[in-house]
Protein backbone atom coordinates (compact mmCIF):
# COMPACT_ATOMS: atom_id res chain seq x y z
CA MET A 1 -0.11 0.04 0.02
CA TRP A 2 2.74 2.36 0.90
CA ASP A 3 4.68 1.70 -2.19
CA TRP A 4 1.61 2.36 -4.25
CA PHE A 5 0.98 5.61 -2.39
CA VAL A 6 4.61 6.81 -3.12
CA THR A 7 4.62 5.76 -6.69
CA THR A 8 1.24 7.65 -7.21
CA LEU A 9 2.79 10.78 -5.80
CA ARG A 10 5.78 10.53 -7.94
CA ASP A 11 3.63 10.08 -11.05
CA GLN A 12 1.01 12.64 -10.08
CA PRO A 13 3.02 15.38 -8.23
CA ALA A 14 0.00 17.65 -8.27
CA ILE A 15 -1.48 15.37 -5.63
CA ALA A 16 1.61 15.74 -3.39
CA LEU A 17 1.43 19.62 -3.85
CA PHE A 18 -2.14 19.83 -2.67
CA LEU A 19 -1.55 17.39 0.12
CA THR A 20 1.46 19.39 1.39
CA VAL A 21 -0.71 22.55 1.64
CA ALA A 22 -3.59 20.66 3.15
CA LEU A 23 -1.40 19.44 5.97
CA GLY A 24 0.84 22.36 6.42
CA TYR A 25 -1.61 25.24 6.38
CA PRO A 26 -3.70 24.32 9.41
CA LEU A 27 -0.56 23.64 11.52
CA GLY A 28 0.49 27.27 10.89
CA THR A 29 -2.85 28.49 12.19
CA PHE A 30 -2.44 27.04 15.61
CA LYS A 31 -1.63 29.71 18.24
CA TYR A 32 -0.16 29.48 21.80
CA ARG A 33 -0.74 32.71 23.75
CA GLY A 34 -1.13 34.71 20.43
CA ILE A 35 2.01 33.34 18.79
CA SER A 36 2.17 30.97 15.90
CA LEU A 37 4.81 29.61 13.44
CA GLY A 38 2.72 30.86 10.57
CA THR A 39 1.35 28.89 7.59
CA VAL A 40 4.53 29.51 5.41
CA ALA A 41 6.79 27.97 7.91
CA THR A 42 4.62 24.91 8.40
CA THR A 43 3.94 24.40 4.77
CA LEU A 44 7.64 24.53 4.03
CA LEU A 45 8.38 22.00 6.75
CA VAL A 46 5.66 19.73 5.40
CA GLY A 47 6.85 20.16 1.88
CA ILE A 48 10.54 19.15 2.92
CA LEU A 49 9.03 16.16 4.77
CA VAL A 50 7.16 15.15 1.65
CA GLY A 51 10.14 15.92 -0.50
CA GLN A 52 11.96 13.02 1.10
CA LEU A 53 10.05 10.76 -1.31
CA HIS A 54 11.99 12.36 -4.16
CA ILE A 55 9.07 13.93 -5.96
CA GLN A 56 9.79 16.06 -9.04
CA ILE A 57 7.73 19.21 -9.61
CA SER A 58 8.39 21.75 -12.40
CA HIS A 59 9.55 25.19 -11.17
CA ASN A 60 7.12 26.64 -13.86
CA VAL A 61 4.32 25.48 -11.50
CA ALA A 62 5.56 27.42 -8.70
CA ILE A 63 6.33 30.67 -10.65
CA VAL A 64 2.62 30.97 -11.76
CA PHE A 65 1.39 30.84 -8.15
CA PHE A 66 4.15 33.18 -7.08
CA LEU A 67 3.38 35.87 -9.66
CA LEU A 68 -0.17 35.89 -8.49
CA PHE A 69 1.12 36.21 -4.95
CA LEU A 70 3.51 39.06 -5.89
CA PHE A 71 0.69 40.97 -7.68
CA ALA A 72 -1.55 40.74 -4.64
CA ILE A 73 1.02 42.02 -2.34
CA GLY A 74 1.68 45.09 -4.71
CA TYR A 75 -2.00 45.67 -5.08
CA ARG A 76 -2.80 45.76 -1.34
CA VAL A 77 0.23 48.01 -0.47
CA GLY A 78 0.13 50.27 -3.49
CA PRO A 79 -1.82 53.22 -1.98
CA GLN A 80 0.25 53.28 1.21
CA PHE A 81 3.51 52.71 -0.64
CA VAL A 82 3.04 55.66 -2.94
CA ARG A 83 1.72 57.81 -0.09
CA GLY A 84 4.68 56.99 2.02
CA ILE A 85 7.04 57.93 -0.65
CA ALA A 86 5.46 61.03 -1.92
CA ASP A 87 3.18 62.39 0.85
CA ASP A 88 2.89 63.03 4.56
CA GLY A 89 4.27 59.61 5.63
CA ALA A 90 7.76 60.52 4.43
CA MET A 91 9.40 60.09 7.87
CA GLN A 92 7.83 56.75 8.44
CA ALA A 93 8.72 55.65 4.91
CA LEU A 94 12.35 56.76 5.52
CA PHE A 95 12.38 54.91 8.84
CA ALA A 96 11.31 51.69 6.99
CA VAL A 97 14.11 52.21 4.39
CA VAL A 98 16.63 52.53 6.99
CA VAL A 99 15.55 49.43 8.93
CA CYS A 100 15.37 47.32 5.73
CA ALA A 101 18.89 48.50 4.74
CA VAL A 102 20.12 47.51 8.24
CA THR A 103 18.52 44.22 8.07
CA LEU A 104 20.05 43.40 4.62
CA ALA A 105 23.40 44.74 5.75
CA ILE A 106 23.53 42.43 9.01
CA ALA A 107 22.53 39.37 6.86
CA TYR A 108 25.08 40.09 4.39
CA GLY A 109 27.72 40.71 6.98
CA VAL A 110 26.84 37.40 8.72
CA ALA A 111 27.03 35.49 5.55
CA ARG A 112 30.57 36.87 4.68
CA LEU A 113 31.67 36.40 8.20
CA THR A 114 30.64 32.76 8.43
CA GLY A 115 31.53 32.01 4.73
CA TYR A 116 27.98 30.86 3.95
CA SER A 117 27.20 30.19 0.30
CA VAL A 118 24.72 32.25 -1.79
CA GLY A 119 21.95 29.84 -0.98
CA TYR A 120 22.55 29.89 2.83
CA GLY A 121 23.05 33.56 2.89
CA ALA A 122 19.94 34.41 1.06
CA GLY A 123 17.97 32.00 3.06
CA LEU A 124 19.24 33.50 6.25
CA PHE A 125 18.23 36.91 5.22
CA ALA A 126 14.62 35.82 4.06
CA GLY A 127 13.99 33.69 7.15
CA ALA A 128 15.31 36.01 9.77
CA ALA A 129 13.36 38.85 8.24
CA THR A 130 10.35 36.58 7.64
CA ALA A 131 10.26 37.94 4.14
CA SER A 132 8.74 34.88 2.35
CA SER A 133 8.49 36.79 -0.92
CA ALA A 134 12.39 37.43 -0.69
CA LEU A 135 12.76 33.63 -0.55
CA ALA A 136 10.97 33.36 -3.94
CA LEU A 137 12.94 36.17 -5.62
CA SER A 138 16.29 34.77 -4.31
CA THR A 139 15.09 31.42 -5.90
CA THR A 140 14.42 33.09 -9.21
CA ALA A 141 17.71 35.10 -9.02
CA ILE A 142 19.72 31.97 -8.27
CA GLN A 143 18.08 30.27 -11.41
CA GLY A 144 19.34 33.13 -13.33
CA LEU A 145 22.97 32.67 -12.37
CA GLY A 146 23.71 30.34 -15.24
CA LEU A 147 24.76 27.45 -13.00
CA SER A 148 24.38 23.80 -13.91
CA ALA A 149 21.16 22.00 -12.88
CA ASP A 150 22.86 20.19 -10.03
CA GLU A 151 24.44 23.32 -8.74
CA THR A 152 21.27 25.28 -8.96
CA ARG A 153 19.31 22.47 -7.18
CA SER A 154 21.89 22.43 -4.39
CA MET A 155 21.86 26.10 -3.90
CA ILE A 156 18.12 26.28 -3.74
CA GLY A 157 18.18 23.34 -1.24
CA ALA A 158 20.49 25.49 0.86
CA LEU A 159 18.28 28.47 0.53
CA SER A 160 15.33 26.45 1.78
CA THR A 161 17.32 24.90 4.53
CA ALA A 162 18.47 28.32 5.85
CA PHE A 163 14.93 29.79 5.44
CA ALA A 164 13.34 27.00 7.48
CA MET A 165 15.90 27.14 10.23
CA THR A 166 15.73 30.90 10.72
CA TYR A 167 12.08 31.57 10.07
CA ILE A 168 10.86 30.27 13.32
CA PHE A 169 12.68 32.74 15.50
CA GLY A 170 12.23 35.43 12.70
CA THR A 171 8.49 35.07 13.49
CA ILE A 172 8.52 34.91 17.23
CA GLY A 173 11.53 37.20 17.99
CA PRO A 174 10.06 40.59 16.78
CA ILE A 175 6.85 39.73 18.69
CA LEU A 176 8.57 39.34 22.01
CA ILE A 177 11.17 42.13 21.50
CA ILE A 178 8.70 44.83 20.34
CA SER A 179 5.72 44.07 22.46
CA GLN A 180 7.48 42.90 25.65
CA ILE A 181 11.04 44.31 25.81
CA GLY A 182 10.28 47.45 23.73
CA PRO A 183 8.21 49.21 26.25
CA TRP A 184 10.65 48.63 29.01
CA LEU A 185 13.75 49.46 26.82
CA LEU A 186 12.10 52.87 25.59
CA ARG A 187 10.53 53.57 29.10
CA ILE A 188 7.06 53.75 27.56
CA ASP A 189 3.81 52.92 29.25
CA LEU A 190 2.01 52.14 26.09
CA ALA A 191 -1.55 52.20 27.48
CA ALA A 192 -0.96 55.77 29.05
CA ALA A 193 0.80 56.92 25.81
CA CYS A 194 -2.12 55.86 23.71
CA ARG A 195 -4.54 57.53 26.11
CA ALA A 196 -2.55 60.73 25.95
CA TYR A 197 -2.34 60.62 22.21
CA GLU A 198 -6.10 60.10 21.97
CA LYS A 199 -6.67 63.00 24.20
CA ARG A 200 -4.44 65.20 22.10
CA MET A 201 -6.28 64.07 18.98
CA GLY A 202 -9.44 65.14 20.55
CA GLY A 203 -10.57 61.91 22.17
CA THR A 204 -12.50 61.68 25.47
CA ASN A 205 -11.30 60.08 28.66
CA HIS A 206 -14.12 57.61 28.62
CA GLY A 207 -12.84 56.02 25.46
CA SER A 208 -15.48 56.85 22.79
CA GLY A 209 -12.73 58.78 21.04
CA THR A 210 -15.04 60.51 18.69
CA SER A 211 -18.29 62.14 18.03
CA TRP A 212 -19.03 59.74 15.30
CA HIS A 213 -19.71 56.60 17.51
CA HIS A 214 -22.67 54.96 19.09
CA TYR A 215 -25.36 55.98 16.59
CA VAL A 216 -28.93 55.73 17.74
CA MET A 217 -32.35 57.31 16.84
CA ARG A 218 -34.68 58.73 19.39
CA THR A 219 -38.05 60.71 19.20
CA TYR A 220 -38.73 63.68 21.57
CA ARG A 221 -41.77 65.95 22.04
CA LEU A 222 -40.61 69.61 22.49
CA LEU A 223 -42.49 71.15 25.35
CA ASP A 224 -43.46 74.75 25.89
CA ASP A 225 -40.33 75.64 27.73
CA SER A 226 -38.02 74.02 25.26
CA PRO A 227 -34.90 76.07 24.56
CA HIS A 228 -35.10 74.73 20.91
CA ALA A 229 -38.48 76.03 20.12
CA GLY A 230 -38.05 78.92 17.69
CA GLN A 231 -34.64 77.81 16.46
CA LYS A 232 -33.77 76.51 13.13
CA VAL A 233 -32.91 72.81 12.78
CA GLY A 234 -29.48 73.69 11.49
CA GLN A 235 -28.84 75.94 14.60
CA VAL A 236 -29.58 73.16 17.00
CA GLU A 237 -27.46 70.66 15.07
CA ALA A 238 -24.55 73.11 15.06
CA SER A 239 -24.90 73.91 18.82
CA ASN A 240 -23.93 70.40 19.76
CA VAL A 241 -20.21 71.07 19.13
CA HIS A 242 -18.91 67.95 20.91
CA SER A 243 -20.93 65.28 18.94
CA ARG A 244 -22.88 64.80 15.80
CA CYS A 245 -26.74 64.89 15.63
CA PHE A 246 -29.14 65.12 12.73
CA PHE A 247 -32.89 65.81 12.75
CA ASP A 248 -34.64 63.62 10.39
CA GLN A 249 -38.37 64.02 10.52
CA ILE A 250 -40.95 66.11 12.42
CA ARG A 251 -44.60 65.29 13.31
CA ARG A 252 -46.49 68.63 13.44
CA ASP A 253 -50.15 68.96 13.73
CA GLY A 254 -50.60 65.17 12.77
CA GLN A 255 -48.45 65.48 9.52
CA VAL A 256 -44.92 64.16 9.10
CA ILE A 257 -42.52 66.52 7.45
CA GLU A 258 -38.81 66.40 6.51
CA ALA A 259 -36.55 68.37 8.76
CA THR A 260 -34.22 70.61 6.82
CA GLU A 261 -31.64 73.04 8.16
CA ALA A 262 -34.05 75.94 7.51
CA THR A 263 -36.99 74.33 9.26
CA VAL A 264 -38.01 76.42 12.53
CA LEU A 265 -38.90 74.05 15.46
CA LYS A 266 -41.99 74.75 17.37
CA ALA A 267 -43.39 73.53 20.78
CA GLY A 268 -45.40 70.50 20.47
CA ASP A 269 -43.31 69.19 17.64
CA VAL A 270 -42.28 65.52 17.74
CA VAL A 271 -38.83 65.23 16.30
CA SER A 272 -36.75 62.18 15.38
CA VAL A 273 -33.12 62.76 16.01
CA ALA A 274 -30.01 60.51 15.30
CA GLY A 275 -26.80 60.83 17.30
CA VAL A 276 -24.81 59.69 20.15
CA ARG A 277 -27.05 58.44 23.07
CA SER A 278 -25.19 60.39 25.71
CA SER A 279 -25.24 63.67 23.66
CA LEU A 280 -28.98 63.36 22.86
CA ARG A 281 -29.73 62.98 26.65
CA VAL A 282 -27.79 66.25 27.23
CA LEU A 283 -29.39 68.07 24.17
CA PHE A 284 -32.94 67.30 25.32
CA ALA A 285 -32.42 67.32 29.15
CA THR A 286 -34.79 70.17 29.51
CA GLY A 287 -37.98 71.20 27.68
CA ALA A 288 -38.49 67.84 25.99
CA GLU A 289 -39.78 64.38 26.82
CA GLU A 290 -38.92 61.08 25.04
CA VAL A 291 -41.79 59.53 23.33
CA GLU A 292 -42.41 56.28 21.38
CA ASP A 293 -43.44 57.39 17.94
CA LEU A 294 -43.12 54.09 15.89
CA GLU A 295 -43.77 55.75 12.50
CA LEU A 296 -40.82 58.21 12.98
CA LEU A 297 -38.58 55.55 14.42
CA ALA A 298 -39.51 53.05 11.62
CA VAL A 299 -36.62 54.37 9.36
CA PRO A 300 -34.38 51.87 7.66
CA VAL A 301 -30.70 52.29 8.60
CA ALA A 302 -28.12 51.04 6.11
CA GLY A 303 -24.41 50.43 6.58
CA VAL A 304 -21.92 50.17 3.74
CA ASP A 305 -18.20 50.32 3.19
CA VAL A 306 -16.97 53.35 1.17
CA VAL A 307 -13.52 53.69 -0.33
CA VAL A 308 -12.15 57.23 -0.15
CA THR A 309 -11.04 58.36 -3.65
CA LYS A 310 -11.99 62.06 -3.78
CA ARG A 311 -9.32 64.70 -3.17
CA ALA A 312 -11.86 66.65 -1.18
CA PHE A 313 -11.54 64.06 1.57
CA ASP A 314 -7.89 63.25 1.32
CA ARG A 315 -5.81 64.44 4.34
CA LYS A 316 -8.80 65.86 6.07
CA THR A 317 -9.36 65.30 9.80
CA LEU A 318 -12.66 63.81 11.04
CA THR A 319 -13.48 67.17 12.62
CA GLU A 320 -13.17 68.86 9.24
CA LEU A 321 -15.17 66.16 7.47
CA ALA A 322 -17.93 66.45 10.10
CA HIS A 323 -18.71 70.00 8.89
CA MET A 324 -19.06 69.11 5.16
CA ALA A 325 -22.33 68.81 3.60
CA ALA A 326 -21.48 65.32 2.10
CA THR A 327 -21.39 63.76 5.68
CA HIS A 328 -24.53 65.25 7.01
CA GLY A 329 -26.72 62.44 8.51
CA ILE A 330 -24.18 59.59 8.27
CA PHE A 331 -22.11 58.11 11.00
CA LEU A 332 -18.74 56.54 10.91
CA THR A 333 -18.24 53.34 12.72
CA ARG A 334 -14.90 51.95 11.35
CA ILE A 335 -11.88 52.88 9.45
CA ARG A 336 -9.59 50.50 7.65
CA ARG A 337 -6.30 51.11 6.04
CA GLY A 338 -3.35 49.66 4.35
CA ALA A 339 -2.38 46.21 3.18
CA MET A 340 -3.96 44.19 5.88
CA GLY A 341 -6.86 46.41 6.43
CA GLU A 342 -5.78 47.50 10.01
CA GLU A 343 -8.34 49.38 11.93
CA ILE A 344 -7.40 52.96 12.55
CA PRO A 345 -8.86 54.79 15.72
CA ILE A 346 -11.77 57.15 15.18
CA LEU A 347 -10.55 60.37 16.72
CA PRO A 348 -11.57 63.93 15.87
CA GLN A 349 -8.11 64.67 14.66
CA THR A 350 -7.61 61.35 12.77
CA THR A 351 -6.56 62.14 9.21
CA ILE A 352 -8.32 60.32 6.34
CA HIS A 353 -6.29 59.17 3.38
CA ARG A 354 -7.30 58.22 -0.12
CA GLY A 355 -7.69 54.44 -0.20
CA ASP A 356 -9.06 54.26 3.33
CA VAL A 357 -12.25 52.25 3.64
CA LEU A 358 -14.82 53.83 5.76
CA THR A 359 -17.70 51.98 7.26
CA VAL A 360 -20.67 54.23 7.52
CA VAL A 361 -24.34 53.94 8.74
CA GLY A 362 -27.27 55.99 8.25
CA GLN A 363 -30.40 56.15 6.10
CA PRO A 364 -30.10 54.70 2.69
CA GLN A 365 -30.85 57.92 0.86
CA ARG A 366 -28.24 59.86 2.95
CA ILE A 367 -25.68 57.06 2.29
CA ARG A 368 -26.41 57.38 -1.45
CA ALA A 369 -25.93 61.03 -1.42
CA SER A 370 -22.65 60.87 0.44
CA ILE A 371 -20.99 57.97 -1.60
CA SER A 372 -20.49 60.19 -4.68
CA ALA A 373 -18.71 62.81 -2.65
CA ILE A 374 -16.51 60.43 -0.75
CA GLY A 375 -15.57 57.88 -3.36
CA ARG A 376 -17.17 54.64 -4.32
CA ALA A 377 -19.01 51.94 -2.41
CA ASP A 378 -17.09 48.80 -1.65
CA PHE A 379 -19.22 45.83 -2.10
CA SER A 380 -17.77 42.39 -1.49
CA ASP A 381 -19.75 40.78 -4.30
CA GLU A 382 -18.10 42.91 -7.08
CA GLN A 383 -16.46 41.01 -9.90
CA THR A 384 -12.77 40.72 -10.50
CA ASP A 385 -11.55 42.70 -13.50
CA VAL A 386 -9.73 39.61 -14.80
CA SER A 387 -8.52 41.10 -17.97
CA VAL A 388 -6.79 44.10 -16.50
CA MET A 389 -5.31 42.10 -13.69
CA PHE A 390 -3.65 39.64 -16.00
CA LEU A 391 -2.55 42.22 -18.37
CA MET A 392 -0.84 44.04 -15.55
CA ILE A 393 0.92 40.85 -14.56
CA ALA A 394 1.99 40.24 -18.11
CA LEU A 395 3.17 43.85 -18.52
CA GLY A 396 5.14 43.79 -15.26
CA ALA A 397 6.86 40.54 -16.12
CA LEU A 398 7.90 41.98 -19.60
CA ILE A 399 9.28 45.05 -17.97
CA GLY A 400 11.38 42.95 -15.71
CA VAL A 401 12.94 40.81 -18.47
CA PRO A 402 15.63 43.11 -19.83
CA ALA A 403 19.08 42.91 -17.98
CA VAL A 404 21.94 45.38 -17.93
CA MET A 405 25.39 43.95 -17.59
CA LEU A 406 27.66 45.62 -14.98
CA ASP A 407 31.21 44.17 -14.81
CA GLY A 408 29.80 40.96 -16.07
CA VAL A 409 27.15 40.81 -13.57
CA PRO A 410 23.52 40.90 -14.99
CA LEU A 411 21.35 43.38 -13.26
CA THR A 412 17.66 43.02 -13.76
CA LEU A 413 14.40 43.71 -12.03
CA SER A 414 13.33 40.17 -13.02
CA ILE A 415 9.87 39.15 -13.96
CA THR A 416 9.07 38.81 -10.29
CA GLY A 417 10.26 42.29 -9.41
CA GLY A 418 8.31 43.56 -12.41
CA VAL A 419 5.14 42.03 -11.38
CA LEU A 420 5.41 43.40 -7.81
CA PHE A 421 5.65 46.95 -9.16
CA ALA A 422 2.89 46.25 -11.62
CA GLY A 423 0.74 45.36 -8.58
CA ILE A 424 1.84 48.51 -6.68
CA ALA A 425 0.86 50.59 -9.76
CA ALA A 426 -2.54 48.79 -10.17
CA GLY A 427 -3.39 49.18 -6.51
CA TRP A 428 -2.50 52.87 -6.46
CA GLN A 429 -4.52 53.61 -9.79
CA ARG A 430 -7.58 51.74 -8.33
CA SER A 431 -7.55 53.85 -5.14
CA VAL A 432 -7.38 57.07 -7.13
CA PHE A 433 -9.35 56.08 -10.29
CA PRO A 434 -11.74 53.38 -9.38
CA THR A 435 -13.33 52.80 -12.74
CA PHE A 436 -11.46 49.57 -13.60
CA GLY A 437 -8.97 47.07 -12.39
CA ASN A 438 -11.07 45.93 -9.41
CA VAL A 439 -9.88 42.98 -7.42
CA PRO A 440 -12.09 42.36 -4.38
CA PRO A 441 -10.40 41.68 -0.92
CA ALA A 442 -11.43 38.10 -0.96
CA VAL A 443 -9.66 37.50 -4.44
CA ILE A 444 -6.56 39.34 -3.06
CA TRP A 445 -6.61 37.19 0.06
CA PHE A 446 -6.76 34.02 -2.08
CA MET A 447 -3.93 35.16 -4.36
CA ASN A 448 -1.82 36.11 -1.39
CA VAL A 449 -2.26 33.10 0.88
CA VAL A 450 -2.96 30.28 -1.53
CA GLY A 451 -0.40 31.52 -4.16
CA LEU A 452 2.36 31.77 -1.53
CA ASN A 453 1.65 28.59 0.18
CA LEU A 454 1.59 26.63 -3.14
CA PHE A 455 4.81 28.18 -4.20
CA ILE A 456 6.47 27.41 -0.80
CA ALA A 457 5.17 23.86 -1.01
CA VAL A 458 6.78 23.50 -4.42
CA ILE A 459 10.09 24.84 -2.89
CA GLY A 460 9.93 22.45 0.15
CA ILE A 461 9.20 19.33 -1.98
CA THR A 462 12.03 20.20 -4.33
CA ALA A 463 14.47 20.98 -1.60
CA GLY A 464 13.47 17.99 0.58
CA PRO A 465 16.16 15.55 -0.41
CA SER A 466 19.00 18.12 0.31
CA PHE A 467 17.54 19.47 3.62
CA VAL A 468 18.95 16.86 5.82
CA ALA A 469 22.32 17.17 4.35
CA GLY A 470 22.17 20.90 4.76
CA VAL A 471 21.20 20.75 8.42
CA ARG A 472 24.28 18.50 9.03
CA GLU A 473 26.40 20.85 7.12
CA VAL A 474 25.56 24.00 9.03
CA GLY A 475 24.24 22.62 12.36
CA ILE A 476 22.78 24.69 15.09
CA SER A 477 25.00 27.68 14.37
CA LEU A 478 22.71 28.78 11.47
CA PHE A 479 19.82 29.03 13.81
CA LEU A 480 21.89 31.17 16.24
CA TRP A 481 23.08 33.41 13.47
CA GLY A 482 19.53 33.86 12.39
CA MET A 483 18.56 34.90 15.95
CA LEU A 484 21.25 37.64 15.68
CA VAL A 485 20.12 38.76 12.28
CA THR A 486 16.55 38.96 13.58
CA THR A 487 17.38 40.72 16.94
CA ILE A 488 19.82 43.48 15.90
CA PRO A 489 17.53 45.22 13.37
CA VAL A 490 14.61 45.07 15.74
CA ILE A 491 16.60 46.68 18.72
CA PHE A 492 17.99 49.12 16.22
CA ALA A 493 14.52 50.05 15.02
CA LEU A 494 13.32 50.64 18.64
CA LEU A 495 16.21 52.96 19.48
CA VAL A 496 16.27 54.81 16.14
CA GLY A 497 12.44 55.29 16.09
CA LYS A 498 12.41 56.71 19.57
CA TYR A 499 15.49 58.80 19.67
CA VAL A 500 16.48 59.70 16.11
CA PHE A 501 13.11 59.94 14.35
CA ARG A 502 11.34 60.88 17.54
CA PHE A 503 8.05 59.21 16.80
CA ASP A 504 5.37 59.60 19.45
CA ASP A 505 5.58 57.06 22.20
CA ALA A 506 2.05 55.83 21.09
CA LEU A 507 3.21 55.28 17.47
CA VAL A 508 6.88 54.09 17.68
CA LEU A 509 6.17 50.42 18.58
CA GLY A 510 3.76 50.19 15.80
CA CYS A 511 6.25 51.74 13.33
CA CYS A 512 8.68 49.07 14.33
CA ALA A 513 6.07 46.34 13.92
CA GLY A 514 5.37 47.68 10.38
CA ALA A 515 9.01 48.00 9.43
CA GLY A 516 9.45 44.42 10.58
CA THR A 517 6.32 43.34 8.71
CA SER A 518 5.01 41.65 11.84
CA THR A 519 1.25 41.82 11.81
CA ALA A 520 1.02 39.62 14.89
CA THR A 521 3.05 42.14 16.81
CA LEU A 522 0.59 44.86 16.06
CA GLY A 523 -2.28 42.79 17.32
CA LEU A 524 -0.51 42.35 20.64
CA LEU A 525 0.39 45.95 20.82
CA ALA A 526 -3.23 46.89 20.35
CA ASP A 527 -4.43 44.44 23.07
CA ARG A 528 -1.65 45.73 25.47
CA ALA A 529 -2.62 49.40 24.85
CA GLY A 530 -6.41 48.85 24.73
CA SER A 531 -6.36 51.02 21.70
CA GLN A 532 -6.01 51.01 17.92
CA VAL A 533 -3.57 54.00 17.99
CA PRO A 534 -0.38 51.88 17.31
CA ALA A 535 -1.86 51.00 13.97
CA LEU A 536 -1.39 54.63 12.86
CA GLY A 537 2.33 53.98 12.89
CA TYR A 538 2.12 50.53 11.10
CA THR A 539 0.51 50.96 7.76
CA ILE A 540 3.20 53.07 5.83
CA PRO A 541 6.36 51.25 7.23
CA TYR A 542 4.58 47.86 6.39
CA ALA A 543 3.97 48.91 2.87
CA ILE A 544 7.52 50.16 2.30
CA SER A 545 9.27 47.23 4.10
CA ASN A 546 7.05 44.63 2.48
CA THR A 547 8.24 45.87 -0.90
CA LEU A 548 11.86 46.49 -0.04
CA LEU A 549 12.52 43.19 1.68
CA THR A 550 10.99 41.37 -1.21
CA ILE A 551 13.47 43.14 -3.67
CA GLY A 552 16.20 42.29 -0.96
CA GLY A 553 15.93 38.74 -2.09
CA ILE A 554 17.43 39.70 -5.41
CA ILE A 555 19.96 42.15 -3.89
CA ILE A 556 21.61 39.76 -1.58
CA VAL A 557 22.03 37.02 -4.24
CA THR A 558 23.82 39.68 -6.34
CA LEU A 559 25.97 40.86 -3.44
CA LEU A 560 27.00 37.32 -2.40
């Protein structure tokens, strides 16, 4: 039975490929105290184990999935990458560039000091930096060195061995250093720093943090002594400076009328008002009684995700947006930003960027009126623009093909690098001109996760036979050197972020997590702080580092 199974896998390698991902992926999702090895590491290890059966899979299979993965990365980080380079995130972008350069320099120095080959050195860099995409670009770069088939296979085996041995601490190390040691090293009380930041940004001590939260609708009857009787609706709405409230309808003399800003309120009116529960209680504390008017309350309330694409909203604070006619009657409940859709805290001074996804609630007609001013609705059932997506991948690959010879060394962006930048361009244009090139989040997730894991599975299966020999050759020393390559840049990032770039105490740890592309660290920081403020320092460094570390896979092969 076993012989039949092994023979079948060798004859039908596609079965071995899918079996590897099926076994490796769930192992990587297992968490202990919020920490996991990650699906990439476990898929690679299972692939190496399956590879002991000497199964041959064409690299062309791997490269197809990897190009999809690279495009997905570029598409998701595109808006933040361009913004970080050209806009108000310049300091955070520069910080990420410095950290990536130090990471590459440390890995290169260790490889030279220890005499590691190109394969081991590149794998050390990719694993210690947890840059899975760099592993793939290093693989492509090695295959372009013009070596014999046996030499190429041996070097890729060394690459996979070094990656597998250093990736584990590369994942766990930044989490522990940034979230546990970082606050002690920098003398930061993270929770207090975030509370202070929220207060400076207009938040309140009780944590609501904004006048946009806790949307409710209530109906009140204005009594004879109501201070609002004789005032216009617009005046009453504007008087509530600490919170947003909107009059919707008025029952007057048995008739229901729409409340406009010019409508004058009268004693005896029954008004339906939407706003923050606590603010409504204050606004109608005197001269009014709450009543149960089912007709006025029976108003459908819709919620929708809206992508910010219009310049009028770009770089505006929530306080500024609250006074725009386009936001009248809608309430913001969530802001998502960046490659991983990190939640951004809703504070009066929070700045909105083009490409942000705003979740707003309100009456359907008000939502529809606001969408055209903000950008476009983001519905999860939108279709993928397959033609544009594959055309961009093809164009990016073509751009990456040409090579320039420098002292006999071919310098090229490579098709993988070209596709990465094509994805960045496509993601940026989509955030600014959302008329074509749509790739829904679910499709991006599939290309990102499945594309990468299938590629890693091929690498693991191919490198499996040489893995054991590689471990015997380098021993435990490679793991220890990997710890060093992981730790030094993280400590460097903490100190430089705090004392050179002088990032706010509430943001510096998030900046370090982003520069290290450690999403798990951001989650732990948010839990420890009891706030989403660290995410404000995460998105731009993440976008820059994710791109530069990927390119580093080519650079380190060239240097070594």
